[in-house]
Amino acid sequence: MQLRPMGGPIPSLADVKGRPLSMPFPQLERRDLARRAAVVRRITAEFTEMPGLVLSVKQASRLLGLDEAACERILSALEEDGLLRRRGGSFARRDLGA
């Protein structure tokens, strides 16, 4: 590893022949899909075990330890899937007959 003086030029990323690399790093998935699946399973279990449960996004966020934006996206996806329904500003389990 070569050290460079403070304030010196930052070396460019280049291949062994000195050509610049077009894309030095692969694109990485930002989302943790395994954690999201675990959260979805937990939300499903909570609403299944307590059919009368009604939670606002803020309450669900605190319960699940998620930021509100992520919690809103997950709850909305479960609403689209038919598990939950939005009641006012809160989410409740969709009854089989509803």
PDB file of N, CA and C in Angstrom:
ATOM      1  N   MET A   1       0.847  -1.178   0.000  1.00  0.00           N
ATOM      2  CA  MET A   1       0.000   0.000   0.000  1.00  0.00           C
ATOM      3  C   MET A   1       0.884   1.230   0.000  1.00  0.00           C
ATOM      4  N   GLN A   2       0.637   2.140  -0.913  1.00  0.00           N
ATOM      5  CA  GLN A   2       1.401   3.370  -0.971  1.00  0.00           C
ATOM      6  C   GLN A   2       0.666   4.456  -0.219  1.00  0.00           C
ATOM      7  N   LEU A   3       1.407   5.245   0.498  1.00  0.00           N
ATOM      8  CA  LEU A   3       0.827   6.380   1.201  1.00  0.00           C
ATOM      9  C   LEU A   3       1.028   7.614   0.340  1.00  0.00           C
ATOM     10  N   ARG A   4       0.104   8.525   0.398  1.00  0.00           N
ATOM     11  CA  ARG A   4       0.253   9.762  -0.345  1.00  0.00           C
ATOM     12  C   ARG A   4       0.211  10.915   0.639  1.00  0.00           C
ATOM     13  N   PRO A   5       0.889  11.998   0.332  1.00  0.00           N
ATOM     14  CA  PRO A   5       0.880  13.136   1.252  1.00  0.00           C
ATOM     15  C   PRO A   5      -0.521  13.718   1.377  1.00  0.00           C
ATOM     16  N   MET A   6      -0.812  14.273   2.542  1.00  0.00           N
ATOM     17  CA  MET A   6      -2.113  14.913   2.775  1.00  0.00           C
ATOM     18  C   MET A   6      -2.334  15.998   1.738  1.00  0.00           C
ATOM     19  N   GLY A   7      -3.508  16.051   1.177  1.00  0.00           N
ATOM     20  CA  GLY A   7      -3.848  17.072   0.219  1.00  0.00           C
ATOM     21  C   GLY A   7      -3.379  16.765  -1.191  1.00  0.00           C
ATOM     22  N   GLY A   8      -2.725  15.627  -1.370  1.00  0.00           N
ATOM     23  CA  GLY A   8      -2.241  15.261  -2.691  1.00  0.00           C
ATOM     24  C   GLY A   8      -3.380  14.770  -3.557  1.00  0.00           C
ATOM     25  N   PRO A   9      -3.109  14.515  -4.821  1.00  0.00           N
ATOM     26  CA  PRO A   9      -4.170  14.054  -5.721  1.00  0.00           C
ATOM     27  C   PRO A   9      -4.654  12.663  -5.339  1.00  0.00           C
ATOM     28  N   ILE A  10      -5.916  12.433  -5.546  1.00  0.00           N
ATOM     29  CA  ILE A  10      -6.498  11.119  -5.281  1.00  0.00           C
ATOM     30  C   ILE A  10      -6.294  10.283  -6.535  1.00  0.00           C
ATOM     31  N   PRO A  11      -5.692   9.110  -6.382  1.00  0.00           N
ATOM     32  CA  PRO A  11      -5.448   8.299  -7.571  1.00  0.00           C
ATOM     33  C   PRO A  11      -6.765   7.852  -8.198  1.00  0.00           C
ATOM     34  N   SER A  12      -6.784   7.765  -9.514  1.00  0.00           N
ATOM     35  CA  SER A  12      -7.990   7.322 -10.199  1.00  0.00           C
ATOM     36  C   SER A  12      -8.054   5.804 -10.190  1.00  0.00           C
ATOM     37  N   LEU A  13      -9.258   5.287 -10.317  1.00  0.00           N
ATOM     38  CA  LEU A  13      -9.425   3.847 -10.420  1.00  0.00           C
ATOM     39  C   LEU A  13      -9.168   3.455 -11.855  1.00  0.00           C
ATOM     40  N   ALA A  14      -8.199   2.603 -12.056  1.00  0.00           N
ATOM     41  CA  ALA A  14      -7.857   2.190 -13.416  1.00  0.00           C
ATOM     42  C   ALA A  14      -7.449   0.736 -13.388  1.00  0.00           C
ATOM     43  N   ASP A  15      -7.597   0.068 -14.520  1.00  0.00           N
ATOM     44  CA  ASP A  15      -7.169  -1.315 -14.583  1.00  0.00           C
ATOM     45  C   ASP A  15      -5.643  -1.369 -14.696  1.00  0.00           C
ATOM     46  N   VAL A  16      -5.097  -2.538 -14.807  1.00  0.00           N
ATOM     47  CA  VAL A  16      -3.644  -2.699 -14.819  1.00  0.00           C
ATOM     48  C   VAL A  16      -2.985  -2.035 -16.022  1.00  0.00           C
ATOM     49  N   LYS A  17      -3.715  -1.765 -17.072  1.00  0.00           N
ATOM     50  CA  LYS A  17      -3.141  -1.117 -18.254  1.00  0.00           C
ATOM     51  C   LYS A  17      -3.340   0.398 -18.221  1.00  0.00           C
ATOM     52  N   GLY A  18      -3.880   0.911 -17.121  1.00  0.00           N
ATOM     53  CA  GLY A  18      -4.034   2.347 -16.985  1.00  0.00           C
ATOM     54  C   GLY A  18      -5.321   2.908 -17.542  1.00  0.00           C
ATOM     55  N   ARG A  19      -6.203   2.049 -18.025  1.00  0.00           N
ATOM     56  CA  ARG A  19      -7.489   2.520 -18.545  1.00  0.00           C
ATOM     57  C   ARG A  19      -8.460   2.720 -17.383  1.00  0.00           C
ATOM     58  N   PRO A  20      -9.274   3.776 -17.422  1.00  0.00           N
ATOM     59  CA  PRO A  20     -10.249   3.964 -16.339  1.00  0.00           C
ATOM     60  C   PRO A  20     -11.296   2.855 -16.357  1.00  0.00           C
ATOM     61  N   LEU A  21     -11.705   2.466 -15.192  1.00  0.00           N
ATOM     62  CA  LEU A  21     -12.757   1.451 -15.073  1.00  0.00           C
ATOM     63  C   LEU A  21     -14.109   2.132 -15.254  1.00  0.00           C
ATOM     64  N   SER A  22     -14.971   1.523 -16.031  1.00  0.00           N
ATOM     65  CA  SER A  22     -16.276   2.137 -16.264  1.00  0.00           C
ATOM     66  C   SER A  22     -17.194   1.969 -15.055  1.00  0.00           C
ATOM     67  N   MET A  23     -17.150   0.829 -14.400  1.00  0.00           N
ATOM     68  CA  MET A  23     -17.972   0.601 -13.219  1.00  0.00           C
ATOM     69  C   MET A  23     -17.152  -0.234 -12.240  1.00  0.00           C
ATOM     70  N   PRO A  24     -16.505   0.414 -11.278  1.00  0.00           N
ATOM     71  CA  PRO A  24     -15.608  -0.312 -10.401  1.00  0.00           C
ATOM     72  C   PRO A  24     -16.301  -1.241  -9.402  1.00  0.00           C
ATOM     73  N   PHE A  25     -17.528  -0.942  -9.029  1.00  0.00           N
ATOM     74  CA  PHE A  25     -18.206  -1.740  -8.022  1.00  0.00           C
ATOM     75  C   PHE A  25     -19.569  -2.183  -8.552  1.00  0.00           C
ATOM     76  N   PRO A  26     -19.974  -3.409  -8.259  1.00  0.00           N
ATOM     77  CA  PRO A  26     -21.308  -3.844  -8.688  1.00  0.00           C
ATOM     78  C   PRO A  26     -22.379  -3.096  -7.902  1.00  0.00           C
ATOM     79  N   GLN A  27     -23.540  -2.952  -8.506  1.00  0.00           N
ATOM     80  CA  GLN A  27     -24.654  -2.329  -7.804  1.00  0.00           C
ATOM     81  C   GLN A  27     -25.137  -3.281  -6.715  1.00  0.00           C
ATOM     82  N   LEU A  28     -25.289  -2.780  -5.506  1.00  0.00           N
ATOM     83  CA  LEU A  28     -25.713  -3.595  -4.383  1.00  0.00           C
ATOM     84  C   LEU A  28     -27.168  -3.294  -4.041  1.00  0.00           C
ATOM     85  N   GLU A  29     -27.878  -4.306  -3.600  1.00  0.00           N
ATOM     86  CA  GLU A  29     -29.262  -4.158  -3.149  1.00  0.00           C
ATOM     87  C   GLU A  29     -29.242  -3.491  -1.791  1.00  0.00           C
ATOM     88  N   ARG A  30     -29.923  -2.356  -1.662  1.00  0.00           N
ATOM     89  CA  ARG A  30     -29.948  -1.633  -0.394  1.00  0.00           C
ATOM     90  C   ARG A  30     -30.818  -2.316   0.642  1.00  0.00           C
ATOM     91  N   ARG A  31     -31.888  -2.925   0.201  1.00  0.00           N
ATOM     92  CA  ARG A  31     -32.836  -3.510   1.146  1.00  0.00           C
ATOM     93  C   ARG A  31     -32.318  -4.833   1.685  1.00  0.00           C
ATOM     94  N   ASP A  32     -32.652  -5.091   2.926  1.00  0.00           N
ATOM     95  CA  ASP A  32     -32.328  -6.370   3.551  1.00  0.00           C
ATOM     96  C   ASP A  32     -33.587  -7.228   3.421  1.00  0.00           C
ATOM     97  N   LEU A  33     -33.631  -8.044   2.377  1.00  0.00           N
ATOM     98  CA  LEU A  33     -34.839  -8.804   2.070  1.00  0.00           C
ATOM     99  C   LEU A  33     -35.169  -9.836   3.149  1.00  0.00           C
ATOM    100  N   ALA A  34     -34.160 -10.417   3.774  1.00  0.00           N
ATOM    101  CA  ALA A  34     -34.417 -11.391   4.842  1.00  0.00           C
ATOM    102  C   ALA A  34     -35.065 -10.699   6.040  1.00  0.00           C
ATOM    103  N   ARG A  35     -34.585  -9.502   6.382  1.00  0.00           N
ATOM    104  CA  ARG A  35     -35.175  -8.767   7.510  1.00  0.00           C
ATOM    105  C   ARG A  35     -36.602  -8.343   7.183  1.00  0.00           C
ATOM    106  N   ARG A  36     -36.820  -7.906   5.935  1.00  0.00           N
ATOM    107  CA  ARG A  36     -38.175  -7.515   5.533  1.00  0.00           C
ATOM    108  C   ARG A  36     -39.127  -8.695   5.634  1.00  0.00           C
ATOM    109  N   ALA A  37     -38.697  -9.878   5.194  1.00  0.00           N
ATOM    110  CA  ALA A  37     -39.543 -11.078   5.273  1.00  0.00           C
ATOM    111  C   ALA A  37     -39.862 -11.401   6.724  1.00  0.00           C
ATOM    112  N   ALA A  38     -38.892 -11.244   7.606  1.00  0.00           N
ATOM    113  CA  ALA A  38     -39.122 -11.507   9.034  1.00  0.00           C
ATOM    114  C   ALA A  38     -40.124 -10.512   9.607  1.00  0.00           C
ATOM    115  N   VAL A  39     -40.022  -9.247   9.195  1.00  0.00           N
ATOM    116  CA  VAL A  39     -40.964  -8.227   9.668  1.00  0.00           C
ATOM    117  C   VAL A  39     -42.371  -8.529   9.164  1.00  0.00           C
ATOM    118  N   VAL A  40     -42.487  -8.921   7.908  1.00  0.00           N
ATOM    119  CA  VAL A  40     -43.803  -9.261   7.347  1.00  0.00           C
ATOM    120  C   VAL A  40     -44.404 -10.440   8.104  1.00  0.00           C
ATOM    121  N   ARG A  41     -43.589 -11.461   8.406  1.00  0.00           N
ATOM    122  CA  ARG A  41     -44.088 -12.610   9.185  1.00  0.00           C
ATOM    123  C   ARG A  41     -44.557 -12.165  10.566  1.00  0.00           C
ATOM    124  N   ARG A  42     -43.799 -11.263  11.191  1.00  0.00           N
ATOM    125  CA  ARG A  42     -44.178 -10.805  12.531  1.00  0.00           C
ATOM    126  C   ARG A  42     -45.480 -10.008  12.487  1.00  0.00           C
ATOM    127  N   ILE A  43     -45.614  -9.100  11.518  1.00  0.00           N
ATOM    128  CA  ILE A  43     -46.847  -8.314  11.399  1.00  0.00           C
ATOM    129  C   ILE A  43     -48.032  -9.240  11.159  1.00  0.00           C
ATOM    130  N   THR A  44     -47.859 -10.207  10.271  1.00  0.00           N
ATOM    131  CA  THR A  44     -48.916 -11.173   9.980  1.00  0.00           C
ATOM    132  C   THR A  44     -49.306 -11.919  11.243  1.00  0.00           C
ATOM    133  N   ALA A  45     -48.327 -12.360  12.014  1.00  0.00           N
ATOM    134  CA  ALA A  45     -48.604 -13.084  13.263  1.00  0.00           C
ATOM    135  C   ALA A  45     -49.331 -12.202  14.264  1.00  0.00           C
ATOM    136  N   GLU A  46     -48.884 -10.948  14.407  1.00  0.00           N
ATOM    137  CA  GLU A  46     -49.521 -10.043  15.376  1.00  0.00           C
ATOM    138  C   GLU A  46     -51.001  -9.841  15.039  1.00  0.00           C
ATOM    139  N   PHE A  47     -51.306  -9.568  13.772  1.00  0.00           N
ATOM    140  CA  PHE A  47     -52.696  -9.317  13.386  1.00  0.00           C
ATOM    141  C   PHE A  47     -53.525 -10.599  13.371  1.00  0.00           C
ATOM    142  N   THR A  48     -52.895 -11.755  13.139  1.00  0.00           N
ATOM    143  CA  THR A  48     -53.622 -13.022  13.144  1.00  0.00           C
ATOM    144  C   THR A  48     -53.951 -13.448  14.571  1.00  0.00           C
ATOM    145  N   GLU A  49     -53.001 -13.285  15.483  1.00  0.00           N
ATOM    146  CA  GLU A  49     -53.209 -13.691  16.881  1.00  0.00           C
ATOM    147  C   GLU A  49     -54.144 -12.747  17.622  1.00  0.00           C
ATOM    148  N   MET A  50     -54.218 -11.497  17.186  1.00  0.00           N
ATOM    149  CA  MET A  50     -55.089 -10.511  17.833  1.00  0.00           C
ATOM    150  C   MET A  50     -55.992  -9.890  16.772  1.00  0.00           C
ATOM    151  N   PRO A  51     -57.083 -10.573  16.413  1.00  0.00           N
ATOM    152  CA  PRO A  51     -57.943 -10.108  15.315  1.00  0.00           C
ATOM    153  C   PRO A  51     -58.478  -8.691  15.497  1.00  0.00           C
ATOM    154  N   GLY A  52     -58.636  -8.210  16.710  1.00  0.00           N
ATOM    155  CA  GLY A  52     -59.151  -6.860  16.948  1.00  0.00           C
ATOM    156  C   GLY A  52     -58.073  -5.793  16.965  1.00  0.00           C
ATOM    157  N   LEU A  53     -56.854  -6.164  16.682  1.00  0.00           N
ATOM    158  CA  LEU A  53     -55.732  -5.222  16.732  1.00  0.00           C
ATOM    159  C   LEU A  53     -55.879  -4.145  15.659  1.00  0.00           C
ATOM    160  N   VAL A  54     -55.738  -2.899  16.088  1.00  0.00           N
ATOM    161  CA  VAL A  54     -55.758  -1.751  15.175  1.00  0.00           C
ATOM    162  C   VAL A  54     -54.551  -0.896  15.542  1.00  0.00           C
ATOM    163  N   LEU A  55     -53.684  -0.648  14.572  1.00  0.00           N
ATOM    164  CA  LEU A  55     -52.463   0.122  14.819  1.00  0.00           C
ATOM    165  C   LEU A  55     -52.307   1.229  13.793  1.00  0.00           C
ATOM    166  N   SER A  56     -51.901   2.385  14.278  1.00  0.00           N
ATOM    167  CA  SER A  56     -51.508   3.449  13.358  1.00  0.00           C
ATOM    168  C   SER A  56     -50.096   3.117  12.865  1.00  0.00           C
ATOM    169  N   VAL A  57     -49.656   3.804  11.858  1.00  0.00           N
ATOM    170  CA  VAL A  57     -48.305   3.580  11.346  1.00  0.00           C
ATOM    171  C   VAL A  57     -47.291   3.890  12.451  1.00  0.00           C
ATOM    172  N   LYS A  58     -47.537   4.947  13.198  1.00  0.00           N
ATOM    173  CA  LYS A  58     -46.618   5.323  14.281  1.00  0.00           C
ATOM    174  C   LYS A  58     -46.544   4.228  15.344  1.00  0.00           C
ATOM    175  N   GLN A  59     -47.682   3.679  15.737  1.00  0.00           N
ATOM    176  CA  GLN A  59     -47.704   2.600  16.729  1.00  0.00           C
ATOM    177  C   GLN A  59     -47.011   1.350  16.202  1.00  0.00           C
ATOM    178  N   ALA A  60     -47.309   0.976  14.968  1.00  0.00           N
ATOM    179  CA  ALA A  60     -46.685  -0.204  14.368  1.00  0.00           C
ATOM    180  C   ALA A  60     -45.183  -0.001  14.248  1.00  0.00           C
ATOM    181  N   SER A  61     -44.773   1.200  13.921  1.00  0.00           N
ATOM    182  CA  SER A  61     -43.359   1.522  13.805  1.00  0.00           C
ATOM    183  C   SER A  61     -42.636   1.295  15.122  1.00  0.00           C
ATOM    184  N   ARG A  62     -43.235   1.761  16.206  1.00  0.00           N
ATOM    185  CA  ARG A  62     -42.627   1.558  17.539  1.00  0.00           C
ATOM    186  C   ARG A  62     -42.623   0.091  17.929  1.00  0.00           C
ATOM    187  N   LEU A  63     -43.730  -0.602  17.675  1.00  0.00           N
ATOM    188  CA  LEU A  63     -43.843  -2.014  18.019  1.00  0.00           C
ATOM    189  C   LEU A  63     -42.793  -2.856  17.296  1.00  0.00           C
ATOM    190  N   LEU A  64     -42.567  -2.547  16.018  1.00  0.00           N
ATOM    191  CA  LEU A  64     -41.687  -3.357  15.187  1.00  0.00           C
ATOM    192  C   LEU A  64     -40.250  -2.854  15.134  1.00  0.00           C
ATOM    193  N   GLY A  65     -40.010  -1.659  15.667  1.00  0.00           N
ATOM    194  CA  GLY A  65     -38.665  -1.106  15.635  1.00  0.00           C
ATOM    195  C   GLY A  65     -38.232  -0.679  14.243  1.00  0.00           C
ATOM    196  N   LEU A  66     -39.186  -0.168  13.457  1.00  0.00           N
ATOM    197  CA  LEU A  66     -38.907   0.292  12.090  1.00  0.00           C
ATOM    198  C   LEU A  66     -39.130   1.787  11.998  1.00  0.00           C
ATOM    199  N   ASP A  67     -38.491   2.408  11.009  1.00  0.00           N
ATOM    200  CA  ASP A  67     -38.817   3.808  10.770  1.00  0.00           C
ATOM    201  C   ASP A  67     -40.211   3.858  10.139  1.00  0.00           C
ATOM    202  N   GLU A  68     -40.861   4.989  10.310  1.00  0.00           N
ATOM    203  CA  GLU A  68     -42.267   5.097   9.877  1.00  0.00           C
ATOM    204  C   GLU A  68     -42.444   4.907   8.378  1.00  0.00           C
ATOM    205  N   ALA A  69     -41.513   5.386   7.582  1.00  0.00           N
ATOM    206  CA  ALA A  69     -41.647   5.260   6.129  1.00  0.00           C
ATOM    207  C   ALA A  69     -41.614   3.791   5.699  1.00  0.00           C
ATOM    208  N   ALA A  70     -40.680   3.023   6.256  1.00  0.00           N
ATOM    209  CA  ALA A  70     -40.583   1.595   5.923  1.00  0.00           C
ATOM    210  C   ALA A  70     -41.824   0.858   6.407  1.00  0.00           C
ATOM    211  N   CYS A  71     -42.280   1.213   7.601  1.00  0.00           N
ATOM    212  CA  CYS A  71     -43.469   0.570   8.167  1.00  0.00           C
ATOM    213  C   CYS A  71     -44.697   0.858   7.299  1.00  0.00           C
ATOM    214  N   GLU A  72     -44.836   2.087   6.840  1.00  0.00           N
ATOM    215  CA  GLU A  72     -45.959   2.460   5.962  1.00  0.00           C
ATOM    216  C   GLU A  72     -45.934   1.641   4.679  1.00  0.00           C
ATOM    217  N   ARG A  73     -44.748   1.478   4.085  1.00  0.00           N
ATOM    218  CA  ARG A  73     -44.638   0.698   2.835  1.00  0.00           C
ATOM    219  C   ARG A  73     -45.040  -0.756   3.056  1.00  0.00           C
ATOM    220  N   ILE A  74     -44.591  -1.341   4.163  1.00  0.00           N
ATOM    221  CA  ILE A  74     -44.891  -2.752   4.435  1.00  0.00           C
ATOM    222  C   ILE A  74     -46.383  -2.930   4.735  1.00  0.00           C
ATOM    223  N   LEU A  75     -46.948  -2.063   5.564  1.00  0.00           N
ATOM    224  CA  LEU A  75     -48.376  -2.164   5.885  1.00  0.00           C
ATOM    225  C   LEU A  75     -49.233  -1.956   4.632  1.00  0.00           C
ATOM    226  N   SER A  76     -48.845  -1.015   3.792  1.00  0.00           N
ATOM    227  CA  SER A  76     -49.584  -0.775   2.548  1.00  0.00           C
ATOM    228  C   SER A  76     -49.509  -1.986   1.618  1.00  0.00           C
ATOM    229  N   ALA A  77     -48.344  -2.633   1.575  1.00  0.00           N
ATOM    230  CA  ALA A  77     -48.201  -3.842   0.749  1.00  0.00           C
ATOM    231  C   ALA A  77     -49.095  -4.956   1.277  1.00  0.00           C
ATOM    232  N   LEU A  78     -49.192  -5.081   2.602  1.00  0.00           N
ATOM    233  CA  LEU A  78     -50.067  -6.096   3.192  1.00  0.00           C
ATOM    234  C   LEU A  78     -51.540  -5.757   2.961  1.00  0.00           C
ATOM    235  N   GLU A  79     -51.845  -4.469   2.862  1.00  0.00           N
ATOM    236  CA  GLU A  79     -53.211  -4.059   2.516  1.00  0.00           C
ATOM    237  C   GLU A  79     -53.517  -4.467   1.071  1.00  0.00           C
ATOM    238  N   GLU A  80     -52.575  -4.229   0.171  1.00  0.00           N
ATOM    239  CA  GLU A  80     -52.767  -4.613  -1.231  1.00  0.00           C
ATOM    240  C   GLU A  80     -52.898  -6.126  -1.378  1.00  0.00           C
ATOM    241  N   ASP A  81     -52.185  -6.882  -0.527  1.00  0.00           N
ATOM    242  CA  ASP A  81     -52.254  -8.343  -0.568  1.00  0.00           C
ATOM    243  C   ASP A  81     -53.547  -8.882   0.040  1.00  0.00           C
ATOM    244  N   GLY A  82     -54.314  -8.008   0.706  1.00  0.00           N
ATOM    245  CA  GLY A  82     -55.591  -8.434   1.259  1.00  0.00           C
ATOM    246  C   GLY A  82     -55.554  -8.883   2.706  1.00  0.00           C
ATOM    247  N   LEU A  83     -54.407  -8.814   3.361  1.00  0.00           N
ATOM    248  CA  LEU A  83     -54.328  -9.218   4.773  1.00  0.00           C
ATOM    249  C   LEU A  83     -54.879  -8.125   5.683  1.00  0.00           C
ATOM    250  N   LEU A  84     -54.549  -6.866   5.379  1.00  0.00           N
ATOM    251  CA  LEU A  84     -54.956  -5.747   6.220  1.00  0.00           C
ATOM    252  C   LEU A  84     -55.889  -4.834   5.454  1.00  0.00           C
ATOM    253  N   ARG A  85     -56.578  -3.993   6.214  1.00  0.00           N
ATOM    254  CA  ARG A  85     -57.370  -2.928   5.601  1.00  0.00           C
ATOM    255  C   ARG A  85     -57.087  -1.656   6.384  1.00  0.00           C
ATOM    256  N   ARG A  86     -57.178  -0.556   5.697  1.00  0.00           N
ATOM    257  CA  ARG A  86     -56.953   0.739   6.328  1.00  0.00           C
ATOM    258  C   ARG A  86     -58.284   1.211   6.894  1.00  0.00           C
ATOM    259  N   ARG A  87     -58.256   1.556   8.144  1.00  0.00           N
ATOM    260  CA  ARG A  87     -59.463   2.050   8.820  1.00  0.00           C
ATOM    261  C   ARG A  87     -59.103   3.402   9.416  1.00  0.00           C
ATOM    262  N   GLY A  88     -59.548   4.468   8.758  1.00  0.00           N
ATOM    263  CA  GLY A  88     -59.108   5.807   9.161  1.00  0.00           C
ATOM    264  C   GLY A  88     -57.621   5.918   8.855  1.00  0.00           C
ATOM    265  N   GLY A  89     -56.838   6.302   9.824  1.00  0.00           N
ATOM    266  CA  GLY A  89     -55.391   6.386   9.645  1.00  0.00           C
ATOM    267  C   GLY A  89     -54.673   5.171  10.182  1.00  0.00           C
ATOM    268  N   SER A  90     -55.423   4.101  10.482  1.00  0.00           N
ATOM    269  CA  SER A  90     -54.835   2.915  11.097  1.00  0.00           C
ATOM    270  C   SER A  90     -55.078   1.680  10.247  1.00  0.00           C
ATOM    271  N   PHE A  91     -54.380   0.622  10.597  1.00  0.00           N
ATOM    272  CA  PHE A  91     -54.509  -0.646   9.893  1.00  0.00           C
ATOM    273  C   PHE A  91     -55.108  -1.685  10.823  1.00  0.00           C
ATOM    274  N   ALA A  92     -55.989  -2.507  10.273  1.00  0.00           N
ATOM    275  CA  ALA A  92     -56.621  -3.600  11.009  1.00  0.00           C
ATOM    276  C   ALA A  92     -56.636  -4.821  10.095  1.00  0.00           C
ATOM    277  N   ARG A  93     -56.826  -5.981  10.713  1.00  0.00           N
ATOM    278  CA  ARG A  93     -56.900  -7.210   9.923  1.00  0.00           C
ATOM    279  C   ARG A  93     -58.181  -7.213   9.101  1.00  0.00           C
ATOM    280  N   ARG A  94     -58.048  -7.625   7.861  1.00  0.00           N
ATOM    281  CA  ARG A  94     -59.225  -7.740   6.996  1.00  0.00           C
ATOM    282  C   ARG A  94     -59.911  -9.054   7.374  1.00  0.00           C
ATOM    283  N   ASP A  95     -61.178  -8.957   7.763  1.00  0.00           N
ATOM    284  CA  ASP A  95     -61.931 -10.173   8.105  1.00  0.00           C
ATOM    285  C   ASP A  95     -62.211 -10.956   6.851  1.00  0.00           C
ATOM    286  N   LEU A  96     -62.393 -12.240   7.003  1.00  0.00           N
ATOM    287  CA  LEU A  96     -62.631 -13.094   5.846  1.00  0.00           C
ATOM    288  C   LEU A  96     -63.874 -12.670   5.081  1.00  0.00           C
ATOM    289  N   GLY A  97     -64.899 -12.201   5.794  1.00  0.00           N
ATOM    290  CA  GLY A  97     -66.135 -11.827   5.152  1.00  0.00           C
ATOM    291  C   GLY A  97     -66.150 -10.392   4.652  1.00  0.00           C
ATOM    292  N   ALA A  98     -65.162  -9.579   5.032  1.00  0.00           N
ATOM    293  CA  ALA A  98     -65.174  -8.151   4.663  1.00  0.00           C
ATOM    294  C   ALA A  98     -64.486  -7.898   3.372  1.00  0.00           C
TER     295      ALA A  98
END
